[in-house]
Amino acid sequence: MLGAIAGDIIGSAWEASGEKRFDFPLFTARSRFTDDTVMTVAVAHALLDERDYAATMREYGRRYPFVGYGTHFHRWLSDASIGPYGSYDNGAATRASPVGFAAVSADDALAEAERSALPTHNHPAGIRGAQATALAIYLARSGEEKEAIRRELIARFGYSLERTVEETRPGYRLQLAAERSVPEAIISFLDADDFETAVRNAVSLGGDADTMACIAGAIAEAYWGAVPDAIAAEVQDRLPPDLLLITERFARRYGLAGE
């Protein structure tokens, strides 16, 4: 799942900037982990120790309260009496990568992704975003080729994935809705030849850069088997010990290389 965190940190410096460069510096003084990383680690911890998703997300969110949560999610973190609030944005998709790495089957990936989404994102579109991300990761780490992954995601979710990044980039704008950002993140992976290109593709669309690079980076790690060493080192240096500890535990449990 280090690929998801890498995408988040790399994209954080360009979030909502509208910047459409492909040749941007991967790491700058503004590169930091955001809510996407914190919630990804929370989901990983819940899977590792069979913990409740909502309770674990609240625990981590309250530990890191100022990392870019949306208004509704921030209220949900603060008040345990608040239940799911019908979100259809891409938040559940960004935290779903551990589900894809831990899944033992496609059906398991889909069912567990839904469970990880439901504490907040109980809108069908929000659930589909989480499921598409987790399934893409499961298929990628299972050795499926890109075209098979593309066909499966189109068939199950009806996403438009035939476009290239070059075709998508000119007219694309910031979108938080899962249906208008998760497909583009997946395309960023499908249209890449290596991990770094997948992340650069996602950021270069000029949208929700950290979130989309988080999703693309997670799928890319599953497909190519690891995060490049130089990128992994930069990411690890930017994580506090508690987040790094869970990331490393998860990697050992599920056999992820280079973490």
C-alpha atoms as a PDB file:
ATOM      1  CA  MET A   1       0.000   0.000   0.000  1.00  0.00           C
ATOM      2  CA  LEU A   2       3.064   2.240  -0.044  1.00  0.00           C
ATOM      3  CA  GLY A   3       2.106   3.086  -3.626  1.00  0.00           C
ATOM      4  CA  ALA A   4      -1.090   4.739  -2.421  1.00  0.00           C
ATOM      5  CA  ILE A   5       0.800   6.764   0.176  1.00  0.00           C
ATOM      6  CA  ALA A   6       3.444   7.740  -2.375  1.00  0.00           C
ATOM      7  CA  GLY A   7       0.769   8.996  -4.750  1.00  0.00           C
ATOM      8  CA  ASP A   8      -0.870  10.980  -1.983  1.00  0.00           C
ATOM      9  CA  ILE A   9       2.366  12.653  -0.903  1.00  0.00           C
ATOM     10  CA  ILE A  10       3.501  13.378  -4.467  1.00  0.00           C
ATOM     11  CA  GLY A  11       0.099  14.749  -5.446  1.00  0.00           C
ATOM     12  CA  SER A  12      -0.325  16.846  -2.285  1.00  0.00           C
ATOM     13  CA  ALA A  13       1.838  19.681  -3.602  1.00  0.00           C
ATOM     14  CA  TRP A  14      -0.421  20.023  -6.670  1.00  0.00           C
ATOM     15  CA  GLU A  15      -3.891  19.441  -5.221  1.00  0.00           C
ATOM     16  CA  ALA A  16      -6.514  21.717  -6.784  1.00  0.00           C
ATOM     17  CA  SER A  17      -3.777  23.759  -8.486  1.00  0.00           C
ATOM     18  CA  GLY A  18      -5.028  23.051 -11.989  1.00  0.00           C
ATOM     19  CA  GLU A  19      -1.416  22.315 -12.942  1.00  0.00           C
ATOM     20  CA  LYS A  20      -1.302  19.980 -15.944  1.00  0.00           C
ATOM     21  CA  ARG A  21       2.436  19.403 -16.207  1.00  0.00           C
ATOM     22  CA  PHE A  22       3.761  15.872 -16.544  1.00  0.00           C
ATOM     23  CA  ASP A  23       7.376  16.817 -15.791  1.00  0.00           C
ATOM     24  CA  PHE A  24       6.751  18.316 -12.332  1.00  0.00           C
ATOM     25  CA  PRO A  25       9.202  17.645  -9.458  1.00  0.00           C
ATOM     26  CA  LEU A  26       8.064  14.544  -7.608  1.00  0.00           C
ATOM     27  CA  PHE A  27       8.912  15.908  -4.152  1.00  0.00           C
ATOM     28  CA  THR A  28       8.994  19.500  -2.967  1.00  0.00           C
ATOM     29  CA  ALA A  29       8.969  21.316   0.354  1.00  0.00           C
ATOM     30  CA  ARG A  30       5.151  21.168   0.175  1.00  0.00           C
ATOM     31  CA  SER A  31       4.974  17.385  -0.297  1.00  0.00           C
ATOM     32  CA  ARG A  32       3.245  15.844   2.721  1.00  0.00           C
ATOM     33  CA  PHE A  33       0.839  13.086   3.636  1.00  0.00           C
ATOM     34  CA  THR A  34      -2.840  14.029   3.754  1.00  0.00           C
ATOM     35  CA  ASP A  35      -6.121  12.568   4.954  1.00  0.00           C
ATOM     36  CA  ASP A  36      -5.834   9.965   2.178  1.00  0.00           C
ATOM     37  CA  THR A  37      -2.756   8.454   3.816  1.00  0.00           C
ATOM     38  CA  VAL A  38      -4.197   8.604   7.332  1.00  0.00           C
ATOM     39  CA  MET A  39      -7.378   6.804   6.311  1.00  0.00           C
ATOM     40  CA  THR A  40      -5.464   4.264   4.208  1.00  0.00           C
ATOM     41  CA  VAL A  41      -3.392   3.369   7.265  1.00  0.00           C
ATOM     42  CA  ALA A  42      -6.555   3.215   9.387  1.00  0.00           C
ATOM     43  CA  VAL A  43      -8.129   0.698   6.997  1.00  0.00           C
ATOM     44  CA  ALA A  44      -4.903  -1.313   6.966  1.00  0.00           C
ATOM     45  CA  HIS A  45      -4.866  -1.387  10.778  1.00  0.00           C
ATOM     46  CA  ALA A  46      -8.506  -2.489  10.873  1.00  0.00           C
ATOM     47  CA  LEU A  47      -7.701  -5.362   8.514  1.00  0.00           C
ATOM     48  CA  LEU A  48      -4.562  -6.378  10.372  1.00  0.00           C
ATOM     49  CA  ASP A  49      -6.207  -6.616  13.785  1.00  0.00           C
ATOM     50  CA  GLU A  50      -9.844  -7.256  12.788  1.00  0.00           C
ATOM     51  CA  ARG A  51     -10.900  -3.913  14.187  1.00  0.00           C
ATOM     52  CA  ASP A  52     -14.071  -1.959  13.488  1.00  0.00           C
ATOM     53  CA  TYR A  53     -13.599   0.327  10.479  1.00  0.00           C
ATOM     54  CA  ALA A  54     -15.489   3.325  11.847  1.00  0.00           C
ATOM     55  CA  ALA A  55     -13.806   3.233  15.247  1.00  0.00           C
ATOM     56  CA  THR A  56     -10.356   2.857  13.729  1.00  0.00           C
ATOM     57  CA  MET A  57     -10.877   5.668  11.234  1.00  0.00           C
ATOM     58  CA  ARG A  58     -12.081   7.950  14.011  1.00  0.00           C
ATOM     59  CA  GLU A  59      -9.069   7.039  16.146  1.00  0.00           C
ATOM     60  CA  TYR A  60      -6.613   7.921  13.392  1.00  0.00           C
ATOM     61  CA  GLY A  61      -8.542  10.952  12.240  1.00  0.00           C
ATOM     62  CA  ARG A  62      -8.565  12.439  15.716  1.00  0.00           C
ATOM     63  CA  ARG A  63      -4.852  11.714  16.045  1.00  0.00           C
ATOM     64  CA  TYR A  64      -4.249  13.666  12.814  1.00  0.00           C
ATOM     65  CA  PRO A  65      -7.055  16.251  12.693  1.00  0.00           C
ATOM     66  CA  PHE A  66      -5.519  18.813  10.319  1.00  0.00           C
ATOM     67  CA  VAL A  67      -4.586  16.920   7.166  1.00  0.00           C
ATOM     68  CA  GLY A  68      -7.289  18.051   4.783  1.00  0.00           C
ATOM     69  CA  TYR A  69     -10.550  16.297   5.638  1.00  0.00           C
ATOM     70  CA  GLY A  70     -13.734  17.487   4.005  1.00  0.00           C
ATOM     71  CA  THR A  71     -16.336  19.273   6.103  1.00  0.00           C
ATOM     72  CA  HIS A  72     -18.747  16.332   6.414  1.00  0.00           C
ATOM     73  CA  PHE A  73     -16.001  13.858   7.201  1.00  0.00           C
ATOM     74  CA  HIS A  74     -14.512  16.181   9.812  1.00  0.00           C
ATOM     75  CA  ARG A  75     -17.888  16.354  11.561  1.00  0.00           C
ATOM     76  CA  TRP A  76     -18.182  12.568  11.368  1.00  0.00           C
ATOM     77  CA  LEU A  77     -14.762  12.214  12.994  1.00  0.00           C
ATOM     78  CA  SER A  78     -15.709  14.531  15.823  1.00  0.00           C
ATOM     79  CA  ASP A  79     -19.080  13.031  16.702  1.00  0.00           C
ATOM     80  CA  ALA A  80     -19.428   9.259  17.154  1.00  0.00           C
ATOM     81  CA  SER A  81     -23.216   9.553  17.010  1.00  0.00           C
ATOM     82  CA  ILE A  82     -23.074  10.546  13.327  1.00  0.00           C
ATOM     83  CA  GLY A  83     -23.581   7.646  10.956  1.00  0.00           C
ATOM     84  CA  PRO A  84     -23.058   7.358   7.209  1.00  0.00           C
ATOM     85  CA  TYR A  85     -23.888  10.585   5.438  1.00  0.00           C
ATOM     86  CA  GLY A  86     -24.483   9.490   1.861  1.00  0.00           C
ATOM     87  CA  SER A  87     -21.210  10.685   0.400  1.00  0.00           C
ATOM     88  CA  TYR A  88     -20.648   9.900  -3.263  1.00  0.00           C
ATOM     89  CA  ASP A  89     -17.170  11.423  -3.458  1.00  0.00           C
ATOM     90  CA  ASN A  90     -13.841   9.623  -3.901  1.00  0.00           C
ATOM     91  CA  GLY A  91     -12.867   9.386  -0.229  1.00  0.00           C
ATOM     92  CA  ALA A  92     -13.792   5.718   0.163  1.00  0.00           C
ATOM     93  CA  ALA A  93     -11.799   4.864  -2.962  1.00  0.00           C
ATOM     94  CA  THR A  94      -8.626   6.474  -1.648  1.00  0.00           C
ATOM     95  CA  ARG A  95      -8.640   4.390   1.524  1.00  0.00           C
ATOM     96  CA  ALA A  96      -9.544   1.093  -0.193  1.00  0.00           C
ATOM     97  CA  SER A  97      -6.100  -0.006  -1.343  1.00  0.00           C
ATOM     98  CA  PRO A  98      -5.349  -2.229   1.694  1.00  0.00           C
ATOM     99  CA  VAL A  99      -8.543  -4.146   0.909  1.00  0.00           C
ATOM    100  CA  GLY A 100      -7.279  -4.959  -2.590  1.00  0.00           C
ATOM    101  CA  PHE A 101      -3.934  -6.167  -1.269  1.00  0.00           C
ATOM    102  CA  ALA A 102      -5.492  -8.303   1.467  1.00  0.00           C
ATOM    103  CA  ALA A 103      -8.333  -9.823  -0.588  1.00  0.00           C
ATOM    104  CA  VAL A 104      -8.301 -13.555  -1.319  1.00  0.00           C
ATOM    105  CA  SER A 105     -10.705 -13.341  -4.259  1.00  0.00           C
ATOM    106  CA  ALA A 106     -12.476 -10.804  -6.446  1.00  0.00           C
ATOM    107  CA  ASP A 107     -15.686 -11.307  -4.495  1.00  0.00           C
ATOM    108  CA  ASP A 108     -13.799 -10.775  -1.241  1.00  0.00           C
ATOM    109  CA  ALA A 109     -12.332  -7.521  -2.589  1.00  0.00           C
ATOM    110  CA  LEU A 110     -15.782  -6.249  -3.566  1.00  0.00           C
ATOM    111  CA  ALA A 111     -17.479  -7.209  -0.303  1.00  0.00           C
ATOM    112  CA  GLU A 112     -14.721  -5.871   1.960  1.00  0.00           C
ATOM    113  CA  ALA A 113     -14.418  -2.647  -0.044  1.00  0.00           C
ATOM    114  CA  GLU A 114     -18.114  -2.052   0.548  1.00  0.00           C
ATOM    115  CA  ARG A 115     -17.680  -2.640   4.272  1.00  0.00           C
ATOM    116  CA  SER A 116     -14.766  -0.193   4.385  1.00  0.00           C
ATOM    117  CA  ALA A 117     -16.830   2.445   2.553  1.00  0.00           C
ATOM    118  CA  LEU A 118     -20.095   2.145   4.484  1.00  0.00           C
ATOM    119  CA  PRO A 119     -19.192   4.032   7.677  1.00  0.00           C
ATOM    120  CA  THR A 120     -19.277   7.253   5.648  1.00  0.00           C
ATOM    121  CA  HIS A 121     -19.729   6.672   1.910  1.00  0.00           C
ATOM    122  CA  ASN A 122     -22.976   4.710   1.739  1.00  0.00           C
ATOM    123  CA  HIS A 123     -24.060   6.268  -1.562  1.00  0.00           C
ATOM    124  CA  PRO A 124     -23.853   3.666  -4.374  1.00  0.00           C
ATOM    125  CA  ALA A 125     -21.355   5.794  -6.299  1.00  0.00           C
ATOM    126  CA  GLY A 126     -19.066   6.100  -3.292  1.00  0.00           C
ATOM    127  CA  ILE A 127     -19.216   2.345  -2.729  1.00  0.00           C
ATOM    128  CA  ARG A 128     -18.519   1.633  -6.397  1.00  0.00           C
ATOM    129  CA  GLY A 129     -15.422   3.835  -6.251  1.00  0.00           C
ATOM    130  CA  ALA A 130     -14.034   1.827  -3.341  1.00  0.00           C
ATOM    131  CA  GLN A 131     -14.919  -1.460  -5.005  1.00  0.00           C
ATOM    132  CA  ALA A 132     -13.384  -0.500  -8.342  1.00  0.00           C
ATOM    133  CA  THR A 133     -10.134   0.510  -6.657  1.00  0.00           C
ATOM    134  CA  ALA A 134      -9.915  -2.637  -4.552  1.00  0.00           C
ATOM    135  CA  LEU A 135     -10.824  -4.911  -7.458  1.00  0.00           C
ATOM    136  CA  ALA A 136      -8.294  -3.262  -9.768  1.00  0.00           C
ATOM    137  CA  ILE A 137      -5.588  -3.836  -7.161  1.00  0.00           C
ATOM    138  CA  TYR A 138      -6.633  -7.448  -6.585  1.00  0.00           C
ATOM    139  CA  LEU A 139      -6.615  -8.176 -10.332  1.00  0.00           C
ATOM    140  CA  ALA A 140      -3.296  -6.378 -10.849  1.00  0.00           C
ATOM    141  CA  ARG A 141      -1.491  -8.250  -8.096  1.00  0.00           C
ATOM    142  CA  SER A 142      -3.038 -11.507  -9.347  1.00  0.00           C
ATOM    143  CA  GLY A 143      -1.210 -11.113 -12.651  1.00  0.00           C
ATOM    144  CA  GLU A 144      -4.031  -9.937 -14.887  1.00  0.00           C
ATOM    145  CA  GLU A 145      -3.002  -7.877 -17.899  1.00  0.00           C
ATOM    146  CA  LYS A 146      -4.158  -4.299 -18.266  1.00  0.00           C
ATOM    147  CA  GLU A 147      -6.732  -5.046 -20.941  1.00  0.00           C
ATOM    148  CA  ALA A 148      -8.317  -7.721 -18.775  1.00  0.00           C
ATOM    149  CA  ILE A 149      -8.445  -5.263 -15.858  1.00  0.00           C
ATOM    150  CA  ARG A 150      -9.979  -2.611 -18.109  1.00  0.00           C
ATOM    151  CA  ARG A 151     -12.648  -5.004 -19.424  1.00  0.00           C
ATOM    152  CA  GLU A 152     -13.564  -6.237 -15.956  1.00  0.00           C
ATOM    153  CA  LEU A 153     -13.952  -2.741 -14.510  1.00  0.00           C
ATOM    154  CA  ILE A 154     -16.028  -1.548 -17.468  1.00  0.00           C
ATOM    155  CA  ALA A 155     -18.280  -4.601 -17.215  1.00  0.00           C
ATOM    156  CA  ARG A 156     -18.808  -4.328 -13.455  1.00  0.00           C
ATOM    157  CA  PHE A 157     -18.990  -0.562 -12.967  1.00  0.00           C
ATOM    158  CA  GLY A 158     -19.783   0.938 -16.360  1.00  0.00           C
ATOM    159  CA  TYR A 159     -16.804   3.283 -16.144  1.00  0.00           C
ATOM    160  CA  SER A 160     -15.517   4.894 -19.333  1.00  0.00           C
ATOM    161  CA  LEU A 161     -11.935   3.607 -19.466  1.00  0.00           C
ATOM    162  CA  GLU A 162     -11.202   3.557 -23.200  1.00  0.00           C
ATOM    163  CA  ARG A 163      -9.728   7.076 -23.163  1.00  0.00           C
ATOM    164  CA  THR A 164      -6.039   7.918 -22.858  1.00  0.00           C
ATOM    165  CA  VAL A 165      -4.540  10.450 -20.478  1.00  0.00           C
ATOM    166  CA  GLU A 166      -3.728  12.733 -23.420  1.00  0.00           C
ATOM    167  CA  GLU A 167      -7.356  12.661 -24.516  1.00  0.00           C
ATOM    168  CA  THR A 168      -8.638  13.277 -20.997  1.00  0.00           C
ATOM    169  CA  ARG A 169      -6.240  15.974 -19.776  1.00  0.00           C
ATOM    170  CA  PRO A 170      -7.272  19.082 -21.796  1.00  0.00           C
ATOM    171  CA  GLY A 171     -10.872  19.262 -20.623  1.00  0.00           C
ATOM    172  CA  TYR A 172     -10.518  17.711 -17.198  1.00  0.00           C
ATOM    173  CA  ARG A 173     -11.174  19.838 -14.120  1.00  0.00           C
ATOM    174  CA  LEU A 174     -11.229  19.258 -10.378  1.00  0.00           C
ATOM    175  CA  GLN A 175     -13.848  16.646  -9.543  1.00  0.00           C
ATOM    176  CA  LEU A 176     -14.506  15.107  -6.121  1.00  0.00           C
ATOM    177  CA  ALA A 177     -17.340  12.799  -7.169  1.00  0.00           C
ATOM    178  CA  ALA A 178     -16.136   9.206  -7.402  1.00  0.00           C
ATOM    179  CA  GLU A 179     -17.810   8.666 -10.770  1.00  0.00           C
ATOM    180  CA  ARG A 180     -15.819  11.563 -12.245  1.00  0.00           C
ATOM    181  CA  SER A 181     -12.424  10.969 -10.635  1.00  0.00           C
ATOM    182  CA  VAL A 182     -11.914   7.264  -9.929  1.00  0.00           C
ATOM    183  CA  PRO A 183     -12.153   6.300 -13.633  1.00  0.00           C
ATOM    184  CA  GLU A 184      -9.569   8.953 -14.501  1.00  0.00           C
ATOM    185  CA  ALA A 185      -7.244   7.663 -11.786  1.00  0.00           C
ATOM    186  CA  ILE A 186      -7.590   4.143 -13.210  1.00  0.00           C
ATOM    187  CA  ILE A 187      -6.879   5.451 -16.715  1.00  0.00           C
ATOM    188  CA  SER A 188      -3.708   7.043 -15.344  1.00  0.00           C
ATOM    189  CA  PHE A 189      -2.519   3.565 -14.404  1.00  0.00           C
ATOM    190  CA  LEU A 190      -3.745   1.872 -17.578  1.00  0.00           C
ATOM    191  CA  ASP A 191      -1.953   4.451 -19.739  1.00  0.00           C
ATOM    192  CA  ALA A 192       1.427   4.050 -17.963  1.00  0.00           C
ATOM    193  CA  ASP A 193       4.496   1.898 -18.498  1.00  0.00           C
ATOM    194  CA  ASP A 194       5.811   2.081 -14.935  1.00  0.00           C
ATOM    195  CA  PHE A 195       4.921   3.213 -11.427  1.00  0.00           C
ATOM    196  CA  GLU A 196       6.251   6.745 -11.720  1.00  0.00           C
ATOM    197  CA  THR A 197       4.433   7.383 -14.982  1.00  0.00           C
ATOM    198  CA  ALA A 198       1.129   6.257 -13.465  1.00  0.00           C
ATOM    199  CA  VAL A 199       1.485   8.785 -10.637  1.00  0.00           C
ATOM    200  CA  ARG A 200       2.647  11.534 -12.974  1.00  0.00           C
ATOM    201  CA  ASN A 201      -0.317  10.840 -15.271  1.00  0.00           C
ATOM    202  CA  ALA A 202      -2.763  11.238 -12.392  1.00  0.00           C
ATOM    203  CA  VAL A 203      -1.267  14.511 -11.179  1.00  0.00           C
ATOM    204  CA  SER A 204      -1.001  15.886 -14.710  1.00  0.00           C
ATOM    205  CA  LEU A 205      -4.765  15.758 -15.190  1.00  0.00           C
ATOM    206  CA  GLY A 206      -5.010  18.844 -12.998  1.00  0.00           C
ATOM    207  CA  GLY A 207      -7.780  17.575 -10.745  1.00  0.00           C
ATOM    208  CA  ASP A 208      -7.839  16.194  -7.205  1.00  0.00           C
ATOM    209  CA  ALA A 209      -4.167  15.407  -7.555  1.00  0.00           C
ATOM    210  CA  ASP A 210      -3.361  13.713  -4.249  1.00  0.00           C
ATOM    211  CA  THR A 211      -6.464  11.528  -4.296  1.00  0.00           C
ATOM    212  CA  MET A 212      -6.147  10.471  -7.926  1.00  0.00           C
ATOM    213  CA  ALA A 213      -2.419   9.785  -7.598  1.00  0.00           C
ATOM    214  CA  CYS A 214      -3.164   7.801  -4.428  1.00  0.00           C
ATOM    215  CA  ILE A 215      -5.504   5.504  -6.369  1.00  0.00           C
ATOM    216  CA  ALA A 216      -3.265   5.248  -9.442  1.00  0.00           C
ATOM    217  CA  GLY A 217      -0.190   4.627  -7.291  1.00  0.00           C
ATOM    218  CA  ALA A 218      -1.877   1.813  -5.392  1.00  0.00           C
ATOM    219  CA  ILE A 219      -2.890  -0.020  -8.579  1.00  0.00           C
ATOM    220  CA  ALA A 220       0.540   0.594 -10.096  1.00  0.00           C
ATOM    221  CA  GLU A 221       2.285  -0.901  -7.080  1.00  0.00           C
ATOM    222  CA  ALA A 222       0.096  -3.993  -7.334  1.00  0.00           C
ATOM    223  CA  TYR A 223       0.757  -4.334 -11.071  1.00  0.00           C
ATOM    224  CA  TRP A 224       4.529  -3.722 -11.104  1.00  0.00           C
ATOM    225  CA  GLY A 225       5.158  -5.342  -7.750  1.00  0.00           C
ATOM    226  CA  ALA A 226       6.839  -2.529  -5.825  1.00  0.00           C
ATOM    227  CA  VAL A 227       7.384   1.185  -5.436  1.00  0.00           C
ATOM    228  CA  PRO A 228      10.776   2.290  -6.845  1.00  0.00           C
ATOM    229  CA  ASP A 229      13.393   2.485  -4.101  1.00  0.00           C
ATOM    230  CA  ALA A 230      14.108   6.203  -4.474  1.00  0.00           C
ATOM    231  CA  ILE A 231      10.417   7.087  -4.211  1.00  0.00           C
ATOM    232  CA  ALA A 232       9.875   4.682  -1.311  1.00  0.00           C
ATOM    233  CA  ALA A 233      12.727   6.277   0.641  1.00  0.00           C
ATOM    234  CA  GLU A 234      11.280   9.776   0.179  1.00  0.00           C
ATOM    235  CA  VAL A 235       7.871   8.575   1.309  1.00  0.00           C
ATOM    236  CA  GLN A 236       9.150   6.737   4.373  1.00  0.00           C
ATOM    237  CA  ASP A 237      11.067   9.835   5.450  1.00  0.00           C
ATOM    238  CA  ARG A 238       7.806  11.821   5.433  1.00  0.00           C
ATOM    239  CA  LEU A 239       5.742   9.398   7.528  1.00  0.00           C
ATOM    240  CA  PRO A 240       5.531   9.635  11.323  1.00  0.00           C
ATOM    241  CA  PRO A 241       6.512   6.463  13.209  1.00  0.00           C
ATOM    242  CA  ASP A 242       2.985   5.253  13.967  1.00  0.00           C
ATOM    243  CA  LEU A 243       1.840   5.441  10.335  1.00  0.00           C
ATOM    244  CA  LEU A 244       5.060   3.862   9.114  1.00  0.00           C
ATOM    245  CA  LEU A 245       4.744   1.040  11.648  1.00  0.00           C
ATOM    246  CA  ILE A 246       1.316  -0.025  10.370  1.00  0.00           C
ATOM    247  CA  THR A 247       2.460   0.325   6.763  1.00  0.00           C
ATOM    248  CA  GLU A 248       5.403  -1.988   7.437  1.00  0.00           C
ATOM    249  CA  ARG A 249       3.290  -4.467   9.404  1.00  0.00           C
ATOM    250  CA  PHE A 250       0.805  -4.624   6.567  1.00  0.00           C
ATOM    251  CA  ALA A 251       3.590  -5.187   4.036  1.00  0.00           C
ATOM    252  CA  ARG A 252       5.019  -8.069   6.044  1.00  0.00           C
ATOM    253  CA  ARG A 253       1.611  -9.688   6.497  1.00  0.00           C
ATOM    254  CA  TYR A 254       0.689  -9.514   2.827  1.00  0.00           C
ATOM    255  CA  GLY A 255       4.105  -9.916   1.227  1.00  0.00           C
ATOM    256  CA  LEU A 256       4.441  -6.487  -0.367  1.00  0.00           C
ATOM    257  CA  ALA A 257       7.921  -5.878  -1.749  1.00  0.00           C
ATOM    258  CA  GLY A 258      10.087  -2.934  -0.771  1.00  0.00           C
ATOM    259  CA  GLU A 259       8.020  -1.698   2.187  1.00  0.00           C
END
